[in-house]
Amino acid sequence: NIDAVSVEAAGKVEFLKEVLTNINTSSFASTTLNVNNNNVTIDGQSISVFNVGTLVDQLKENPDVAAISVDELSSSDQGIRFKLTATLADSALQ
C-alpha cells in the first residue's frame, strides 16, 4: 500500500534529519548513512572517541530508536573509525 510506504519513509526521513544534525559538525568526517529496513547504519570518522560516545547518547535519547549497536570502533591515522547501527522501533515507522 502506497500510504503505508509513505508513512514508513517519512519516519525514516525524520530520523535521518536528526542524525544529520548531530553529525554535521567539525567533529565528524566522511560519514556515510545506509538505510536497510528498520536499520540505519552510520559509518564514519571522528576526531575523538568522546564524539562517538556523544552521538550514541543522542541516539539513545531518541524514542524512535529500539536498539543501538557499535559494529566497529578503531583508531587510525585519521582519527577514530566507527560504524554504528540504530534499529528503529516499529512505532517510528507507522
Protein backbone atom coordinates (compact mmCIF):
# COMPACT_ATOMS: atom_id res chain seq x y z
CA ASN A 1 0.00 0.00 0.00
CA ILE A 2 1.45 3.36 -1.06
CA ASP A 3 0.18 5.19 2.04
CA ALA A 4 1.94 2.73 4.36
CA VAL A 5 5.18 3.07 2.41
CA SER A 6 4.92 6.87 2.54
CA VAL A 7 4.40 6.87 6.32
CA GLU A 8 7.32 4.48 6.82
CA ALA A 9 9.56 6.60 4.57
CA ALA A 10 8.53 9.77 6.43
CA GLY A 11 9.54 8.19 9.76
CA LYS A 12 12.95 7.26 8.37
CA VAL A 13 13.46 10.69 6.84
CA GLU A 14 12.71 12.40 10.16
CA PHE A 15 15.20 10.14 11.94
CA LEU A 16 17.85 10.74 9.27
CA LYS A 17 17.38 14.51 9.58
CA GLU A 18 18.08 14.24 13.31
CA VAL A 19 21.18 12.09 12.72
CA LEU A 20 22.48 14.54 10.11
CA THR A 21 22.01 17.41 12.53
CA ASN A 22 24.01 15.51 15.17
CA ILE A 23 26.90 14.59 12.86
CA ASN A 24 27.01 17.84 10.88
CA THR A 25 29.84 19.24 12.98
CA SER A 26 33.58 19.59 12.55
CA SER A 27 33.94 16.60 14.91
CA PHE A 28 32.90 14.11 12.21
CA ALA A 29 34.33 13.46 8.74
CA SER A 30 33.43 11.26 5.77
CA THR A 31 30.26 9.90 7.33
CA THR A 32 28.02 7.56 5.34
CA LEU A 33 24.41 6.68 6.16
CA ASN A 34 22.78 3.49 4.91
CA VAL A 35 19.15 2.51 5.41
CA ASN A 36 18.01 -1.11 5.26
CA ASN A 37 14.50 -1.86 6.53
CA ASN A 38 14.46 -0.69 10.19
CA ASN A 39 18.25 -0.33 10.42
CA VAL A 40 20.21 2.86 9.86
CA THR A 41 23.97 2.33 9.69
CA ILE A 42 26.28 5.27 10.37
CA ASP A 43 29.82 4.68 9.11
CA GLY A 44 32.44 7.37 9.52
CA GLN A 45 35.35 9.03 11.26
CA SER A 46 35.61 11.31 14.24
CA ILE A 47 38.45 13.23 15.79
CA SER A 48 37.67 11.73 19.20
CA VAL A 49 36.06 8.66 20.72
CA PHE A 50 34.19 11.05 23.01
CA ASN A 51 32.32 12.48 19.99
CA VAL A 52 31.22 8.97 19.04
CA GLY A 53 30.06 8.42 22.62
CA THR A 54 28.06 11.64 22.49
CA LEU A 55 26.43 10.53 19.22
CA VAL A 56 25.47 7.19 20.80
CA ASP A 57 23.99 9.04 23.80
CA GLN A 58 21.97 11.28 21.47
CA LEU A 59 20.66 8.25 19.60
CA LYS A 60 19.73 6.55 22.90
CA GLU A 61 17.63 9.58 23.85
CA ASN A 62 15.53 9.26 20.68
CA PRO A 63 12.28 7.40 21.46
CA ASP A 64 12.18 6.08 17.87
CA VAL A 65 15.37 4.05 18.43
CA ALA A 66 14.77 0.50 19.67
CA ALA A 67 18.44 -0.57 19.76
CA ILE A 68 21.95 0.66 19.01
CA SER A 69 24.98 -1.46 18.24
CA VAL A 70 28.60 -0.43 17.87
CA ASP A 71 29.75 -2.58 14.96
CA GLU A 72 33.24 -1.10 14.64
CA LEU A 73 35.39 1.23 16.71
CA SER A 74 39.07 1.58 15.87
CA SER A 75 41.86 4.10 15.82
CA SER A 76 43.56 5.21 12.61
CA ASP A 77 45.88 7.96 11.43
CA GLN A 78 42.78 10.00 10.50
CA GLY A 79 41.18 9.61 13.94
CA ILE A 80 38.51 7.23 15.20
CA ARG A 81 36.74 4.99 12.67
CA PHE A 82 33.30 3.87 13.73
CA LYS A 83 30.27 2.03 12.48
CA LEU A 84 27.00 2.20 14.41
CA THR A 85 23.66 0.60 13.66
CA ALA A 86 20.47 2.13 15.03
CA THR A 87 17.38 -0.05 14.80
CA LEU A 88 14.21 1.99 14.59
CA ALA A 89 11.19 0.96 16.62
CA ASP A 90 8.15 -0.19 14.66
CA SER A 91 6.24 2.76 16.13
CA ALA A 92 8.59 5.16 14.32
CA LEU A 93 7.56 3.67 11.01
CA GLN A 94 3.79 3.93 11.47
